Amino acid sequence: MSRQQQLTQLAAQVLGAARAQDWQAVQQADRALARELPQLAALGPWSGAELEALERLGTAHAMARGLCHEASEALEQQIAQLREGRDGWLAYALHDG
């Protein structure tokens, strides 16, 4: 597999996992990226097509990071809402029991 293909595959993995909200797969793809990118860079100068693939990988990674951030914020909001209603739920449970 060419370096350009490897970069394209890494971009697809990280972004696809983030879009699917498969956070374990995102973590695996991010680890693969951290492991493989230095190895790919060590192979020598990047061609024009490889630089374009590298830029697309950076964009995909940034998009995945944004999706993770959005999911994290949504989860934080849900937790905050649960905390706000906790006293009411406890009172209801005590009164109902």
C-alpha atoms as a PDB file:
ATOM      1  CA  MET A   1       0.000   0.000   0.000  1.00  0.00           C
ATOM      2  CA  SER A   2       1.363   3.421  -0.900  1.00  0.00           C
ATOM      3  CA  ARG A   3       1.943   6.135   1.654  1.00  0.00           C
ATOM      4  CA  GLN A   4      -0.866   8.160   0.100  1.00  0.00           C
ATOM      5  CA  GLN A   5      -3.247   5.202   0.469  1.00  0.00           C
ATOM      6  CA  GLN A   6      -2.196   4.689   4.075  1.00  0.00           C
ATOM      7  CA  LEU A   7      -2.892   8.346   4.872  1.00  0.00           C
ATOM      8  CA  THR A   8      -6.282   8.106   3.170  1.00  0.00           C
ATOM      9  CA  GLN A   9      -7.093   4.963   5.115  1.00  0.00           C
ATOM     10  CA  LEU A  10      -6.125   6.565   8.432  1.00  0.00           C
ATOM     11  CA  ALA A  11      -8.308   9.592   7.649  1.00  0.00           C
ATOM     12  CA  ALA A  12     -11.281   7.361   6.824  1.00  0.00           C
ATOM     13  CA  GLN A  13     -10.816   5.322   9.994  1.00  0.00           C
ATOM     14  CA  VAL A  14     -10.682   8.232  12.396  1.00  0.00           C
ATOM     15  CA  LEU A  15     -13.498  10.204  10.790  1.00  0.00           C
ATOM     16  CA  GLY A  16     -15.720   7.179  10.188  1.00  0.00           C
ATOM     17  CA  ALA A  17     -15.409   6.092  13.806  1.00  0.00           C
ATOM     18  CA  ALA A  18     -16.205   9.602  15.059  1.00  0.00           C
ATOM     19  CA  ARG A  19     -19.231   9.938  12.791  1.00  0.00           C
ATOM     20  CA  ALA A  20     -20.480   6.572  14.095  1.00  0.00           C
ATOM     21  CA  GLN A  21     -19.799   7.788  17.649  1.00  0.00           C
ATOM     22  CA  ASP A  22     -17.766   4.641  18.226  1.00  0.00           C
ATOM     23  CA  TRP A  23     -15.404   6.180  20.750  1.00  0.00           C
ATOM     24  CA  GLN A  24     -13.359   3.014  21.240  1.00  0.00           C
ATOM     25  CA  ALA A  25     -12.745   2.874  17.488  1.00  0.00           C
ATOM     26  CA  VAL A  26     -11.821   6.575  17.548  1.00  0.00           C
ATOM     27  CA  GLN A  27      -9.277   5.827  20.256  1.00  0.00           C
ATOM     28  CA  GLN A  28      -7.862   2.915  18.257  1.00  0.00           C
ATOM     29  CA  ALA A  29      -7.680   4.998  15.077  1.00  0.00           C
ATOM     30  CA  ASP A  30      -5.989   7.832  16.957  1.00  0.00           C
ATOM     31  CA  ARG A  31      -3.422   5.425  18.387  1.00  0.00           C
ATOM     32  CA  ALA A  32      -2.791   3.984  14.930  1.00  0.00           C
ATOM     33  CA  LEU A  33      -2.326   7.507  13.611  1.00  0.00           C
ATOM     34  CA  ALA A  34       0.160   8.353  16.371  1.00  0.00           C
ATOM     35  CA  ARG A  35       2.071   5.142  15.726  1.00  0.00           C
ATOM     36  CA  GLU A  36       2.057   5.136  11.913  1.00  0.00           C
ATOM     37  CA  LEU A  37       2.471   8.793  11.006  1.00  0.00           C
ATOM     38  CA  PRO A  38       6.081   9.054  12.265  1.00  0.00           C
ATOM     39  CA  GLN A  39       6.914   5.831  10.440  1.00  0.00           C
ATOM     40  CA  LEU A  40       5.444   7.200   7.231  1.00  0.00           C
ATOM     41  CA  ALA A  41       7.294  10.488   7.650  1.00  0.00           C
ATOM     42  CA  ALA A  42      10.564   8.617   8.131  1.00  0.00           C
ATOM     43  CA  LEU A  43      10.274   7.182   4.609  1.00  0.00           C
ATOM     44  CA  GLY A  44      11.471  10.434   3.094  1.00  0.00           C
ATOM     45  CA  PRO A  45      10.121  13.604   1.510  1.00  0.00           C
ATOM     46  CA  TRP A  46       6.420  13.785   0.814  1.00  0.00           C
ATOM     47  CA  SER A  47       5.193  13.996  -2.790  1.00  0.00           C
ATOM     48  CA  GLY A  48       2.564  16.539  -3.749  1.00  0.00           C
ATOM     49  CA  ALA A  49      -0.197  13.905  -3.674  1.00  0.00           C
ATOM     50  CA  GLU A  50       1.023  12.653  -0.307  1.00  0.00           C
ATOM     51  CA  LEU A  51       1.003  16.182   1.100  1.00  0.00           C
ATOM     52  CA  GLU A  52      -2.588  16.567  -0.074  1.00  0.00           C
ATOM     53  CA  ALA A  53      -3.499  13.252   1.598  1.00  0.00           C
ATOM     54  CA  LEU A  54      -1.699  14.399   4.739  1.00  0.00           C
ATOM     55  CA  GLU A  55      -3.691  17.636   4.719  1.00  0.00           C
ATOM     56  CA  ARG A  56      -6.945  15.660   4.297  1.00  0.00           C
ATOM     57  CA  LEU A  57      -5.879  13.496   7.225  1.00  0.00           C
ATOM     58  CA  GLY A  58      -5.361  16.616   9.340  1.00  0.00           C
ATOM     59  CA  THR A  59      -8.789  17.894   8.335  1.00  0.00           C
ATOM     60  CA  ALA A  60     -10.400  14.529   9.121  1.00  0.00           C
ATOM     61  CA  HIS A  61      -8.672  14.445  12.493  1.00  0.00           C
ATOM     62  CA  ALA A  62      -9.855  17.970  13.293  1.00  0.00           C
ATOM     63  CA  MET A  63     -13.408  17.049  12.291  1.00  0.00           C
ATOM     64  CA  ALA A  64     -13.271  13.931  14.470  1.00  0.00           C
ATOM     65  CA  ARG A  65     -11.970  16.023  17.355  1.00  0.00           C
ATOM     66  CA  GLY A  66     -14.891  18.413  16.852  1.00  0.00           C
ATOM     67  CA  LEU A  67     -17.398  15.553  16.846  1.00  0.00           C
ATOM     68  CA  CYS A  68     -15.867  14.199  20.048  1.00  0.00           C
ATOM     69  CA  HIS A  69     -16.093  17.632  21.636  1.00  0.00           C
ATOM     70  CA  GLU A  70     -19.753  17.987  20.617  1.00  0.00           C
ATOM     71  CA  ALA A  71     -20.592  14.550  22.046  1.00  0.00           C
ATOM     72  CA  SER A  72     -18.755  15.385  25.257  1.00  0.00           C
ATOM     73  CA  GLU A  73     -20.669  18.647  25.649  1.00  0.00           C
ATOM     74  CA  ALA A  74     -23.992  16.875  25.028  1.00  0.00           C
ATOM     75  CA  LEU A  75     -23.126  14.293  27.662  1.00  0.00           C
ATOM     76  CA  GLU A  76     -22.143  17.017  30.130  1.00  0.00           C
ATOM     77  CA  GLN A  77     -25.523  18.705  29.550  1.00  0.00           C
ATOM     78  CA  GLN A  78     -27.371  15.435  30.145  1.00  0.00           C
ATOM     79  CA  ILE A  79     -25.455  14.850  33.371  1.00  0.00           C
ATOM     80  CA  ALA A  80     -26.195  18.398  34.522  1.00  0.00           C
ATOM     81  CA  GLN A  81     -29.906  17.881  33.831  1.00  0.00           C
ATOM     82  CA  LEU A  82     -29.867  14.627  35.780  1.00  0.00           C
ATOM     83  CA  ARG A  83     -28.167  16.354  38.699  1.00  0.00           C
ATOM     84  CA  GLU A  84     -30.739  19.158  38.656  1.00  0.00           C
ATOM     85  CA  GLY A  85     -33.604  16.692  38.860  1.00  0.00           C
ATOM     86  CA  ARG A  86     -31.989  14.399  41.408  1.00  0.00           C
ATOM     87  CA  ASP A  87     -33.532  16.057  44.489  1.00  0.00           C
ATOM     88  CA  GLY A  88     -36.992  15.873  42.971  1.00  0.00           C
ATOM     89  CA  TRP A  89     -36.569  12.221  42.076  1.00  0.00           C
ATOM     90  CA  LEU A  90     -35.334  11.403  45.575  1.00  0.00           C
ATOM     91  CA  ALA A  91     -38.261  13.223  47.166  1.00  0.00           C
ATOM     92  CA  TYR A  92     -40.696  11.423  44.872  1.00  0.00           C
ATOM     93  CA  ALA A  93     -39.089   8.044  45.631  1.00  0.00           C
ATOM     94  CA  LEU A  94     -39.221   8.687  49.386  1.00  0.00           C
ATOM     95  CA  HIS A  95     -42.813   9.899  49.242  1.00  0.00           C
ATOM     96  CA  ASP A  96     -43.947   7.074  46.941  1.00  0.00           C
ATOM     97  CA  GLY A  97     -42.205   4.352  48.997  1.00  0.00           C
END
